[in-house]
N, C-alpha and C. Protein backbone atom coordinates (compact mmCIF):
# COMPACT_ATOMS: atom_id res chain seq x y z
N MET A 1 119.69 104.63 76.42
CA MET A 1 118.69 103.33 76.70
C MET A 1 119.94 102.29 76.92
N ASP A 2 120.73 102.07 76.26
CA ASP A 2 121.79 100.94 75.33
C ASP A 2 122.63 100.75 77.05
N ARG A 3 122.74 101.71 77.42
CA ARG A 3 123.59 102.18 79.16
C ARG A 3 122.57 101.54 80.32
N LYS A 4 121.53 101.77 80.52
CA LYS A 4 120.46 101.44 80.75
C LYS A 4 120.55 100.87 81.12
N MET A 5 120.32 99.45 79.74
CA MET A 5 120.00 98.32 79.96
C MET A 5 120.68 97.43 79.69
N ALA A 6 121.99 98.01 79.93
CA ALA A 6 123.69 97.06 80.15
C ALA A 6 123.48 96.31 81.49
N ASN A 7 123.32 94.83 81.44
CA ASN A 7 123.65 93.37 82.23
C ASN A 7 122.15 93.54 82.78
N ARG A 8 121.01 94.26 81.97
CA ARG A 8 119.94 93.78 82.55
C ARG A 8 119.36 93.10 80.96
N LYS A 9 118.19 92.13 81.75
CA LYS A 9 117.23 91.08 81.14
C LYS A 9 115.80 92.05 81.04
N LEU A 10 115.82 92.41 79.26
CA LEU A 10 113.70 92.45 79.21
C LEU A 10 113.09 91.72 79.18
N ILE A 11 111.80 91.62 80.07
CA ILE A 11 111.05 91.15 80.26
C ILE A 11 109.73 91.35 80.17
N ARG A 12 109.35 91.73 79.22
CA ARG A 12 107.81 91.82 78.62
C ARG A 12 106.55 92.23 79.07
N LEU A 13 105.46 92.78 79.74
CA LEU A 13 104.45 92.13 80.59
C LEU A 13 103.64 90.83 80.50
N SER A 14 103.38 91.02 78.51
CA SER A 14 102.69 89.70 78.24
C SER A 14 103.41 88.63 78.32
N GLN A 15 104.67 88.66 79.12
CA GLN A 15 105.64 87.48 79.52
C GLN A 15 106.35 86.77 80.66
N LEU A 16 105.28 88.22 81.71
CA LEU A 16 105.79 88.07 82.86
C LEU A 16 105.01 87.03 83.60
N LYS A 17 103.79 86.83 83.49
CA LYS A 17 103.56 84.81 84.24
C LYS A 17 104.48 83.86 83.81
N SER A 18 104.10 83.69 82.96
CA SER A 18 104.81 82.98 82.67
C SER A 18 106.82 82.50 83.08
N LYS A 19 107.28 83.77 82.91
CA LYS A 19 108.84 83.74 83.67
C LYS A 19 109.19 83.63 84.76
N LEU A 20 107.90 83.89 85.36
CA LEU A 20 107.31 84.00 87.06
C LEU A 20 107.62 82.05 87.62
N ALA A 21 106.07 82.16 86.31
CA ALA A 21 106.34 80.10 86.74
C ALA A 21 108.17 79.48 86.98
N THR A 22 109.24 80.61 85.78
CA THR A 22 109.75 79.64 84.99
C THR A 22 111.00 79.40 85.43
N GLU A 23 111.23 80.68 86.00
CA GLU A 23 112.77 81.85 85.89
C GLU A 23 112.22 82.23 87.80
N ASN A 24 113.86 82.16 88.22
CA ASN A 24 113.65 82.75 90.01
C ASN A 24 114.18 84.03 89.31
N LEU A 25 112.88 85.08 89.66
CA LEU A 25 113.08 86.41 88.55
C LEU A 25 114.74 87.27 89.55
N GLU A 26 114.25 86.96 90.74
CA GLU A 26 114.74 87.25 92.37
C GLU A 26 116.21 87.67 92.16
N GLU A 27 116.67 86.76 91.51
CA GLU A 27 118.27 86.60 91.09
C GLU A 27 119.04 86.83 90.07
N ILE A 28 118.22 88.11 88.96
CA ILE A 28 118.56 88.76 87.99
C ILE A 28 118.43 90.00 88.46
N ASP A 29 119.09 90.80 86.86
CA ASP A 29 118.37 92.21 86.82
C ASP A 29 117.54 92.47 86.11
N TRP A 30 115.74 92.35 85.80
CA TRP A 30 115.34 92.27 85.79
C TRP A 30 115.15 93.41 85.20
N VAL A 31 114.20 94.27 83.95
CA VAL A 31 113.01 95.42 83.52
C VAL A 31 111.81 95.01 83.00
N THR A 32 111.28 96.08 82.88
CA THR A 32 109.98 95.63 82.13
C THR A 32 109.30 97.40 81.89
N PHE A 33 108.64 97.48 80.58
CA PHE A 33 108.05 98.64 80.06
C PHE A 33 106.50 98.42 80.20
N GLY A 34 105.95 98.74 80.34
CA GLY A 34 103.67 98.26 79.85
C GLY A 34 103.77 100.71 80.10
N VAL A 35 102.35 99.90 79.42
CA VAL A 35 101.65 101.36 78.69
C VAL A 35 100.64 101.11 79.90
N ILE A 36 100.10 102.39 80.32
CA ILE A 36 98.73 102.96 81.50
C ILE A 36 97.30 102.02 80.82
N VAL A 37 96.83 101.35 80.58
CA VAL A 37 95.57 101.27 79.87
C VAL A 37 94.80 101.64 79.49
N LYS A 38 94.41 102.13 81.58
CA LYS A 38 93.34 102.17 82.37
C LYS A 38 93.47 102.34 83.78
N LYS A 39 92.87 103.38 83.92
CA LYS A 39 92.95 103.54 85.46
C LYS A 39 91.33 103.83 86.13
N VAL A 40 91.68 103.38 87.00
CA VAL A 40 90.41 103.40 88.46
C VAL A 40 90.47 104.75 89.33
N THR A 41 89.60 105.18 89.43
CA THR A 41 89.72 106.47 90.22
C THR A 41 90.21 105.59 91.32
N PRO A 42 90.92 106.39 91.81
CA PRO A 42 91.62 105.91 93.45
C PRO A 42 90.92 106.25 94.25
N GLN A 43 91.10 105.16 95.32
CA GLN A 43 90.33 104.73 96.39
C GLN A 43 90.46 104.65 97.78
N SER A 44 89.54 104.32 99.08
CA SER A 44 90.01 104.72 100.01
C SER A 44 89.93 102.67 100.70
N ALA A 45 91.70 103.24 100.79
CA ALA A 45 91.52 102.31 102.10
C ALA A 45 90.99 101.72 102.69
N ASN A 46 90.59 100.52 103.28
CA ASN A 46 90.12 100.44 105.52
C ASN A 46 90.80 101.75 106.56
N ASN A 47 91.97 101.61 106.26
CA ASN A 47 92.68 102.52 106.94
C ASN A 47 92.54 103.52 106.65
N GLY A 48 91.99 104.10 105.45
CA GLY A 48 91.71 105.84 105.16
C GLY A 48 92.77 105.83 103.91
N ARG A 49 93.58 105.52 103.59
CA ARG A 49 94.76 105.92 102.83
C ARG A 49 93.72 105.36 101.76
N THR A 50 94.36 106.60 100.22
CA THR A 50 94.07 106.79 99.36
C THR A 50 95.17 106.42 98.61
N PHE A 51 94.13 105.05 97.25
CA PHE A 51 95.90 104.34 96.77
C PHE A 51 94.81 104.87 95.38
N SER A 52 95.86 103.85 93.81
CA SER A 52 95.36 104.14 92.91
C SER A 52 95.58 102.36 92.27
N ILE A 53 95.16 102.45 90.87
CA ILE A 53 95.18 101.09 90.38
C ILE A 53 95.09 101.38 89.11
N TRP A 54 96.20 101.05 88.71
CA TRP A 54 96.53 101.25 87.00
C TRP A 54 96.48 99.69 86.18
N ARG A 55 95.72 99.67 85.34
CA ARG A 55 96.16 98.29 84.37
C ARG A 55 97.13 99.09 83.20
N LEU A 56 98.38 98.39 83.83
CA LEU A 56 99.59 98.45 82.76
C LEU A 56 99.24 96.87 81.14
N ASN A 57 100.09 97.37 80.25
CA ASN A 57 99.84 96.25 79.07
C ASN A 57 101.24 96.59 78.11
N ASP A 58 102.07 95.87 77.27
CA ASP A 58 103.00 96.03 77.01
C ASP A 58 102.45 96.16 74.95
N LEU A 59 101.42 96.29 74.85
CA LEU A 59 100.15 96.43 73.32
C LEU A 59 100.98 95.17 72.32
N ARG A 60 101.77 94.01 73.69
CA ARG A 60 101.71 92.87 71.94
C ARG A 60 100.24 92.20 72.27
N ASP A 61 99.43 91.65 73.51
CA ASP A 61 98.82 91.11 73.81
C ASP A 61 97.81 91.78 74.89
N LEU A 62 96.80 92.60 74.09
CA LEU A 62 95.48 93.37 74.49
C LEU A 62 95.03 92.46 75.82
N ASN A 63 94.73 91.04 75.84
CA ASN A 63 94.41 90.63 77.14
C ASN A 63 95.00 89.81 78.25
N GLN A 64 96.48 90.27 77.99
CA GLN A 64 97.38 89.95 79.27
C GLN A 64 98.01 91.94 79.98
N CYS A 65 97.27 91.97 80.90
CA CYS A 65 97.29 93.12 81.96
C CYS A 65 98.31 92.34 83.29
N VAL A 66 98.13 93.38 83.61
CA VAL A 66 98.99 93.82 85.14
C VAL A 66 98.83 94.76 85.76
N SER A 67 97.21 94.69 86.46
CA SER A 67 97.51 95.57 87.51
C SER A 67 98.42 96.37 88.43
N LEU A 68 98.98 97.15 88.68
CA LEU A 68 100.04 98.05 89.76
C LEU A 68 98.97 98.65 90.51
N PHE A 69 99.12 98.86 91.97
CA PHE A 69 98.80 99.37 92.62
C PHE A 69 99.57 99.96 93.45
N LEU A 70 98.92 101.81 93.93
CA LEU A 70 100.59 102.48 93.77
C LEU A 70 99.70 102.78 95.62
N PHE A 71 100.51 102.90 96.70
CA PHE A 71 100.68 103.65 97.83
C PHE A 71 101.13 103.91 98.29
N GLY A 72 100.70 104.81 99.73
CA GLY A 72 101.34 105.86 100.12
C GLY A 72 101.92 107.58 99.11
N ASP A 73 103.80 107.42 99.68
CA ASP A 73 104.33 108.42 98.65
C ASP A 73 104.36 108.67 97.11
N VAL A 74 104.53 106.81 96.45
CA VAL A 74 104.28 106.87 95.25
C VAL A 74 103.08 107.08 94.70
N HIS A 75 101.98 106.55 95.47
CA HIS A 75 99.94 107.31 94.78
C HIS A 75 100.00 108.64 94.72
N LYS A 76 100.22 109.73 96.22
CA LYS A 76 100.39 110.83 95.87
C LYS A 76 100.99 111.39 94.77
N GLU A 77 101.93 110.97 94.38
CA GLU A 77 103.25 112.02 93.11
C GLU A 77 102.92 111.44 91.68
N HIS A 78 102.07 110.09 91.75
CA HIS A 78 102.04 110.06 90.04
C HIS A 78 100.44 109.66 89.95
N TRP A 79 98.99 109.84 91.31
CA TRP A 79 98.55 109.35 91.02
C TRP A 79 97.16 110.19 89.15
N LYS A 80 98.21 111.37 89.42
CA LYS A 80 98.02 112.44 87.97
C LYS A 80 98.34 112.29 86.47
N THR A 81 99.05 111.51 86.74
CA THR A 81 99.92 110.62 84.98
C THR A 81 98.54 110.11 84.44
N GLU A 82 98.53 110.43 83.51
CA GLU A 82 97.68 110.29 82.74
C GLU A 82 97.87 109.08 82.07
N GLN A 83 96.56 108.39 81.37
CA GLN A 83 96.54 107.13 80.90
C GLN A 83 97.24 107.04 79.44
N GLY A 84 97.69 105.79 78.95
CA GLY A 84 99.03 105.79 77.12
C GLY A 84 99.74 106.39 78.36
N THR A 85 100.37 107.17 79.40
CA THR A 85 101.39 106.96 79.59
C THR A 85 102.50 105.62 79.33
N VAL A 86 103.97 105.63 79.15
CA VAL A 86 104.45 104.45 79.07
C VAL A 86 105.53 104.77 80.48
């Protein structure tokens, strides 16, 4: 993990909103980790394509969640991922 995180900044999901407001994250190499705390049943978009929505949390503040929308190949590959997965 140390090798993978070298020269990267860890930003907790619960800090993401404030960091986006105060820092230019496009200029740094950053990572975040999250746990899937809720999965919405896959849905169909207006164009007929199926997508998934996951709610992610860092388990520090359960009121601070990030919604992640999965489309296309990402949806096809990961829609069966279990709730509780990091």
